[in-house]
Amino acid sequence: QVQLVESGGGLMQAGGSLRLSCAASRSIFGINVMGWYRQAPGKQRDLVASITNGGRINYADSVKGRFTISRDNAENTVYLQMDNLKPEDTSVYYCNARNMSLGTWLDYWGKGTLVTVSS
């Protein structure tokens, strides 16, 4: 089990930057995939970015070139640097840890942090 706590959300004008942090309750060194998802009101939760323990990174097309995900295994923290923010980035952002255990993928979620981008 791992508990995840997000921070860094807030209100920002379009074109600005925010950095989200996800602090884990234990070492993330062995966790297969750490990721950020977002969910706008009335919409499904979508992947924003993910990073494997091997360093493989994946981004949603809508954030490529603007967002950067990174993981600090020593600090048990995952970051999402968000630059050139757009109003459509407004969402609740959730941290996710996905790990394979006994042949089954297990997902752990934080409670989310709200990002609001004004035009």
C-alpha atoms as a PDB file:
ATOM      1  CA  GLN A   1       0.000   0.000   0.000  1.00  0.00           C
ATOM      2  CA  VAL A   2       1.024   3.572  -0.594  1.00  0.00           C
ATOM      3  CA  GLN A   3      -0.651   6.849   0.290  1.00  0.00           C
ATOM      4  CA  LEU A   4      -0.285   9.752  -2.112  1.00  0.00           C
ATOM      5  CA  VAL A   5      -0.703  13.439  -1.326  1.00  0.00           C
ATOM      6  CA  GLU A   6      -0.813  16.046  -4.062  1.00  0.00           C
ATOM      7  CA  SER A   7       0.051  19.703  -3.654  1.00  0.00           C
ATOM      8  CA  GLY A   8       0.802  22.751  -5.763  1.00  0.00           C
ATOM      9  CA  GLY A   9      -2.546  23.409  -7.390  1.00  0.00           C
ATOM     10  CA  GLY A  10      -4.149  26.810  -7.531  1.00  0.00           C
ATOM     11  CA  LEU A  11      -5.338  29.622  -9.746  1.00  0.00           C
ATOM     12  CA  MET A  12      -3.136  30.776 -12.604  1.00  0.00           C
ATOM     13  CA  GLN A  13      -3.574  32.951 -15.650  1.00  0.00           C
ATOM     14  CA  ALA A  14      -3.229  31.484 -19.099  1.00  0.00           C
ATOM     15  CA  GLY A  15       0.414  31.324 -20.123  1.00  0.00           C
ATOM     16  CA  GLY A  16       1.609  30.865 -16.569  1.00  0.00           C
ATOM     17  CA  SER A  17       3.238  27.910 -14.852  1.00  0.00           C
ATOM     18  CA  LEU A  18       2.516  25.652 -11.914  1.00  0.00           C
ATOM     19  CA  ARG A  19       4.423  22.758 -10.401  1.00  0.00           C
ATOM     20  CA  LEU A  20       2.483  19.922  -8.852  1.00  0.00           C
ATOM     21  CA  SER A  21       4.035  17.568  -6.331  1.00  0.00           C
ATOM     22  CA  CYS A  22       2.956  14.105  -5.258  1.00  0.00           C
ATOM     23  CA  ALA A  23       4.447  12.860  -2.013  1.00  0.00           C
ATOM     24  CA  ALA A  24       4.297   9.129  -1.357  1.00  0.00           C
ATOM     25  CA  SER A  25       4.121   7.508   2.072  1.00  0.00           C
ATOM     26  CA  ARG A  26       6.828   5.013   1.216  1.00  0.00           C
ATOM     27  CA  SER A  27       9.583   4.434  -1.280  1.00  0.00           C
ATOM     28  CA  ILE A  28       8.506   4.708  -4.894  1.00  0.00           C
ATOM     29  CA  PHE A  29      11.698   3.101  -6.180  1.00  0.00           C
ATOM     30  CA  GLY A  30       9.972  -0.203  -6.837  1.00  0.00           C
ATOM     31  CA  ILE A  31       6.666   1.171  -8.098  1.00  0.00           C
ATOM     32  CA  ASN A  32       6.286   0.324 -11.759  1.00  0.00           C
ATOM     33  CA  VAL A  33       4.510   3.456 -12.949  1.00  0.00           C
ATOM     34  CA  MET A  34       3.838   6.852 -11.405  1.00  0.00           C
ATOM     35  CA  GLY A  35       1.445   9.132 -13.201  1.00  0.00           C
ATOM     36  CA  TRP A  36      -0.726  12.214 -13.228  1.00  0.00           C
ATOM     37  CA  TYR A  37      -4.334  12.156 -14.340  1.00  0.00           C
ATOM     38  CA  ARG A  38      -6.890  14.918 -14.548  1.00  0.00           C
ATOM     39  CA  GLN A  39     -10.634  15.107 -14.429  1.00  0.00           C
ATOM     40  CA  ALA A  40     -12.762  18.094 -15.373  1.00  0.00           C
ATOM     41  CA  PRO A  41     -16.380  18.396 -14.132  1.00  0.00           C
ATOM     42  CA  GLY A  42     -18.634  15.983 -15.976  1.00  0.00           C
ATOM     43  CA  LYS A  43     -15.770  14.317 -17.802  1.00  0.00           C
ATOM     44  CA  GLN A  44     -13.795  11.129 -17.389  1.00  0.00           C
ATOM     45  CA  ARG A  45     -10.416  10.934 -15.715  1.00  0.00           C
ATOM     46  CA  ASP A  46      -7.672  11.005 -18.326  1.00  0.00           C
ATOM     47  CA  LEU A  47      -3.963  10.342 -18.272  1.00  0.00           C
ATOM     48  CA  VAL A  48      -1.813  13.461 -18.414  1.00  0.00           C
ATOM     49  CA  ALA A  49       1.651  11.961 -18.033  1.00  0.00           C
ATOM     50  CA  SER A  50       3.320   8.864 -16.663  1.00  0.00           C
ATOM     51  CA  ILE A  51       6.841   7.711 -15.881  1.00  0.00           C
ATOM     52  CA  THR A  52       8.028   4.183 -15.290  1.00  0.00           C
ATOM     53  CA  ASN A  53      10.666   3.109 -12.798  1.00  0.00           C
ATOM     54  CA  GLY A  54      12.905   2.659 -15.814  1.00  0.00           C
ATOM     55  CA  GLY A  55      12.404   6.278 -16.810  1.00  0.00           C
ATOM     56  CA  ARG A  56      10.077   5.746 -19.758  1.00  0.00           C
ATOM     57  CA  ILE A  57       7.771   8.740 -20.127  1.00  0.00           C
ATOM     58  CA  ASN A  58       4.415   9.122 -21.797  1.00  0.00           C
ATOM     59  CA  TYR A  59       2.389  12.312 -22.314  1.00  0.00           C
ATOM     60  CA  ALA A  60      -1.096  13.039 -23.506  1.00  0.00           C
ATOM     61  CA  ASP A  61      -0.986  14.787 -26.872  1.00  0.00           C
ATOM     62  CA  SER A  62      -2.684  17.839 -25.397  1.00  0.00           C
ATOM     63  CA  VAL A  63       0.203  18.539 -23.005  1.00  0.00           C
ATOM     64  CA  LYS A  64       3.237  17.506 -25.045  1.00  0.00           C
ATOM     65  CA  GLY A  65       5.811  20.279 -25.109  1.00  0.00           C
ATOM     66  CA  ARG A  66       4.174  22.097 -22.188  1.00  0.00           C
ATOM     67  CA  PHE A  67       4.201  19.644 -19.255  1.00  0.00           C
ATOM     68  CA  THR A  68       7.133  17.715 -17.805  1.00  0.00           C
ATOM     69  CA  ILE A  69       6.877  14.785 -15.443  1.00  0.00           C
ATOM     70  CA  SER A  70       9.728  13.694 -13.213  1.00  0.00           C
ATOM     71  CA  ARG A  71      10.245  11.386 -10.277  1.00  0.00           C
ATOM     72  CA  ASP A  72      12.668  11.705  -7.384  1.00  0.00           C
ATOM     73  CA  ASN A  73      12.983   8.247  -5.901  1.00  0.00           C
ATOM     74  CA  ALA A  74      15.173   9.521  -3.071  1.00  0.00           C
ATOM     75  CA  GLU A  75      12.460  11.973  -1.998  1.00  0.00           C
ATOM     76  CA  ASN A  76       9.558   9.603  -2.793  1.00  0.00           C
ATOM     77  CA  THR A  77       8.035  12.381  -4.863  1.00  0.00           C
ATOM     78  CA  VAL A  78       6.719  12.812  -8.375  1.00  0.00           C
ATOM     79  CA  TYR A  79       6.430  16.214 -10.000  1.00  0.00           C
ATOM     80  CA  LEU A  80       4.459  17.683 -12.842  1.00  0.00           C
ATOM     81  CA  GLN A  81       5.838  20.939 -14.214  1.00  0.00           C
ATOM     82  CA  MET A  82       3.109  22.686 -16.168  1.00  0.00           C
ATOM     83  CA  ASP A  83       4.120  25.561 -18.433  1.00  0.00           C
ATOM     84  CA  ASN A  84       2.160  27.683 -20.874  1.00  0.00           C
ATOM     85  CA  LEU A  85      -1.057  26.773 -19.121  1.00  0.00           C
ATOM     86  CA  LYS A  86      -4.319  27.022 -21.023  1.00  0.00           C
ATOM     87  CA  PRO A  87      -7.897  27.397 -19.745  1.00  0.00           C
ATOM     88  CA  GLU A  88      -8.614  23.869 -20.961  1.00  0.00           C
ATOM     89  CA  ASP A  89      -6.043  22.582 -18.466  1.00  0.00           C
ATOM     90  CA  THR A  90      -8.487  23.452 -15.691  1.00  0.00           C
ATOM     91  CA  SER A  91      -9.160  20.211 -13.805  1.00  0.00           C
ATOM     92  CA  VAL A  92      -8.592  18.306 -10.635  1.00  0.00           C
ATOM     93  CA  TYR A  93      -5.215  16.634 -10.976  1.00  0.00           C
ATOM     94  CA  TYR A  94      -4.699  13.229  -9.386  1.00  0.00           C
ATOM     95  CA  CYS A  95      -1.486  11.383  -8.638  1.00  0.00           C
ATOM     96  CA  ASN A  96      -1.454   7.667  -9.408  1.00  0.00           C
ATOM     97  CA  ALA A  97       0.822   4.814  -8.469  1.00  0.00           C
ATOM     98  CA  ARG A  98       0.453   1.615 -10.454  1.00  0.00           C
ATOM     99  CA  ASN A  99       2.238  -1.551  -9.393  1.00  0.00           C
ATOM    100  CA  MET A 100       2.203  -5.150 -10.451  1.00  0.00           C
ATOM    101  CA  SER A 101       1.577  -7.538  -7.566  1.00  0.00           C
ATOM    102  CA  LEU A 102       1.057 -11.281  -7.972  1.00  0.00           C
ATOM    103  CA  GLY A 103       0.125 -10.803 -11.600  1.00  0.00           C
ATOM    104  CA  THR A 104      -2.398  -8.052 -10.928  1.00  0.00           C
ATOM    105  CA  TRP A 105      -2.072  -4.339 -11.502  1.00  0.00           C
ATOM    106  CA  LEU A 106      -2.879  -2.350  -8.369  1.00  0.00           C
ATOM    107  CA  ASP A 107      -3.749   1.343  -8.559  1.00  0.00           C
ATOM    108  CA  TYR A 108      -3.397   3.871  -5.757  1.00  0.00           C
ATOM    109  CA  TRP A 109      -4.759   7.409  -5.947  1.00  0.00           C
ATOM    110  CA  GLY A 110      -4.318  10.671  -4.171  1.00  0.00           C
ATOM    111  CA  LYS A 111      -7.272  12.914  -3.348  1.00  0.00           C
ATOM    112  CA  GLY A 112      -6.412  15.420  -6.026  1.00  0.00           C
ATOM    113  CA  THR A 113      -5.440  19.061  -6.305  1.00  0.00           C
ATOM    114  CA  LEU A 114      -7.443  21.651  -8.205  1.00  0.00           C
ATOM    115  CA  VAL A 115      -5.837  23.627 -11.013  1.00  0.00           C
ATOM    116  CA  THR A 116      -7.789  26.554 -12.410  1.00  0.00           C
ATOM    117  CA  VAL A 117      -6.502  28.488 -15.410  1.00  0.00           C
ATOM    118  CA  SER A 118      -8.159  31.783 -16.232  1.00  0.00           C
ATOM    119  CA  SER A 119      -8.173  33.317 -19.683  1.00  0.00           C
END
